Amino acid sequence: MAALVVIGLFVAGSLVVWAVKAFIGVLFYVLVGALIVGGVVFIAGKVRKSVGGSSRRQLR
């Protein structure tokens, strides 16, 4: 009976470790994706301003 409890705890622990690793992996990829998208939006805004040639200072 005690062996079944130990085996059950081992299986449950293995599942928890696997789930936490999977969650951290997904979180990492979401964070990297958000940084990439944010960087592209930032750079596109800078390029659009420099190519357009119009800014609030020039309109005055």
C-alpha atoms as a PDB file:
ATOM      1  CA  MET A   1       0.000   0.000   0.000  1.00  0.00           C
ATOM      2  CA  ALA A   2       2.797   2.424   0.854  1.00  0.00           C
ATOM      3  CA  ALA A   3       4.465   1.686  -2.471  1.00  0.00           C
ATOM      4  CA  LEU A   4       1.311   2.778  -4.308  1.00  0.00           C
ATOM      5  CA  VAL A   5       1.285   6.062  -2.395  1.00  0.00           C
ATOM      6  CA  VAL A   6       4.940   6.696  -3.257  1.00  0.00           C
ATOM      7  CA  ILE A   7       4.334   5.849  -6.917  1.00  0.00           C
ATOM      8  CA  GLY A   8       1.254   8.097  -6.973  1.00  0.00           C
ATOM      9  CA  LEU A   9       3.184  10.986  -5.454  1.00  0.00           C
ATOM     10  CA  PHE A  10       5.996  10.486  -7.953  1.00  0.00           C
ATOM     11  CA  VAL A  11       3.572  10.510 -10.907  1.00  0.00           C
ATOM     12  CA  ALA A  12       1.732  13.561  -9.564  1.00  0.00           C
ATOM     13  CA  GLY A  13       4.994  15.390  -8.945  1.00  0.00           C
ATOM     14  CA  SER A  14       6.241  14.561 -12.429  1.00  0.00           C
ATOM     15  CA  LEU A  15       3.025  15.909 -13.946  1.00  0.00           C
ATOM     16  CA  VAL A  16       3.295  19.132 -11.936  1.00  0.00           C
ATOM     17  CA  VAL A  17       6.920  19.656 -12.955  1.00  0.00           C
ATOM     18  CA  TRP A  18       6.021  19.022 -16.612  1.00  0.00           C
ATOM     19  CA  ALA A  19       3.070  21.448 -16.455  1.00  0.00           C
ATOM     20  CA  VAL A  20       5.149  24.195 -14.811  1.00  0.00           C
ATOM     21  CA  LYS A  21       7.910  23.805 -17.412  1.00  0.00           C
ATOM     22  CA  ALA A  22       5.355  23.961 -20.223  1.00  0.00           C
ATOM     23  CA  PHE A  23       3.748  27.076 -18.720  1.00  0.00           C
ATOM     24  CA  ILE A  24       7.091  28.838 -18.297  1.00  0.00           C
ATOM     25  CA  GLY A  25       8.031  27.935 -21.885  1.00  0.00           C
ATOM     26  CA  VAL A  26       4.787  29.376 -23.255  1.00  0.00           C
ATOM     27  CA  LEU A  27       5.192  32.476 -21.094  1.00  0.00           C
ATOM     28  CA  PHE A  28       8.735  32.959 -22.417  1.00  0.00           C
ATOM     29  CA  TYR A  29       7.615  32.746 -26.040  1.00  0.00           C
ATOM     30  CA  VAL A  30       4.716  35.154 -25.416  1.00  0.00           C
ATOM     31  CA  LEU A  31       7.100  37.624 -23.770  1.00  0.00           C
ATOM     32  CA  VAL A  32       9.607  37.384 -26.630  1.00  0.00           C
ATOM     33  CA  GLY A  33       6.806  37.803 -29.172  1.00  0.00           C
ATOM     34  CA  ALA A  34       5.472  40.877 -27.371  1.00  0.00           C
ATOM     35  CA  LEU A  35       8.952  42.421 -27.293  1.00  0.00           C
ATOM     36  CA  ILE A  36       9.416  41.781 -31.008  1.00  0.00           C
ATOM     37  CA  VAL A  37       6.018  43.247 -31.917  1.00  0.00           C
ATOM     38  CA  GLY A  38       6.621  46.262 -29.680  1.00  0.00           C
ATOM     39  CA  GLY A  39      10.023  46.843 -31.251  1.00  0.00           C
ATOM     40  CA  VAL A  40       8.612  46.621 -34.767  1.00  0.00           C
ATOM     41  CA  VAL A  41       5.830  49.089 -33.912  1.00  0.00           C
ATOM     42  CA  PHE A  42       8.369  51.472 -32.338  1.00  0.00           C
ATOM     43  CA  ILE A  43      10.737  51.281 -35.316  1.00  0.00           C
ATOM     44  CA  ALA A  44       7.888  51.621 -37.824  1.00  0.00           C
ATOM     45  CA  GLY A  45       6.718  54.767 -36.021  1.00  0.00           C
ATOM     46  CA  LYS A  46      10.211  56.246 -36.125  1.00  0.00           C
ATOM     47  CA  VAL A  47      10.612  55.413 -39.812  1.00  0.00           C
ATOM     48  CA  ARG A  48       7.179  56.796 -40.659  1.00  0.00           C
ATOM     49  CA  LYS A  49       7.990  60.073 -38.905  1.00  0.00           C
ATOM     50  CA  SER A  50      11.372  60.421 -40.609  1.00  0.00           C
ATOM     51  CA  VAL A  51      10.049  59.568 -44.075  1.00  0.00           C
ATOM     52  CA  GLY A  52       6.914  61.691 -43.769  1.00  0.00           C
ATOM     53  CA  GLY A  53       8.908  64.769 -42.927  1.00  0.00           C
ATOM     54  CA  SER A  54       6.076  66.349 -40.996  1.00  0.00           C
ATOM     55  CA  SER A  55       6.121  66.739 -37.257  1.00  0.00           C
ATOM     56  CA  ARG A  56       4.331  68.977 -34.805  1.00  0.00           C
ATOM     57  CA  ARG A  57       7.309  71.297 -34.598  1.00  0.00           C
ATOM     58  CA  GLN A  58       7.360  71.882 -38.356  1.00  0.00           C
ATOM     59  CA  LEU A  59       3.637  72.664 -38.501  1.00  0.00           C
ATOM     60  CA  ARG A  60       3.945  75.721 -36.237  1.00  0.00           C
END
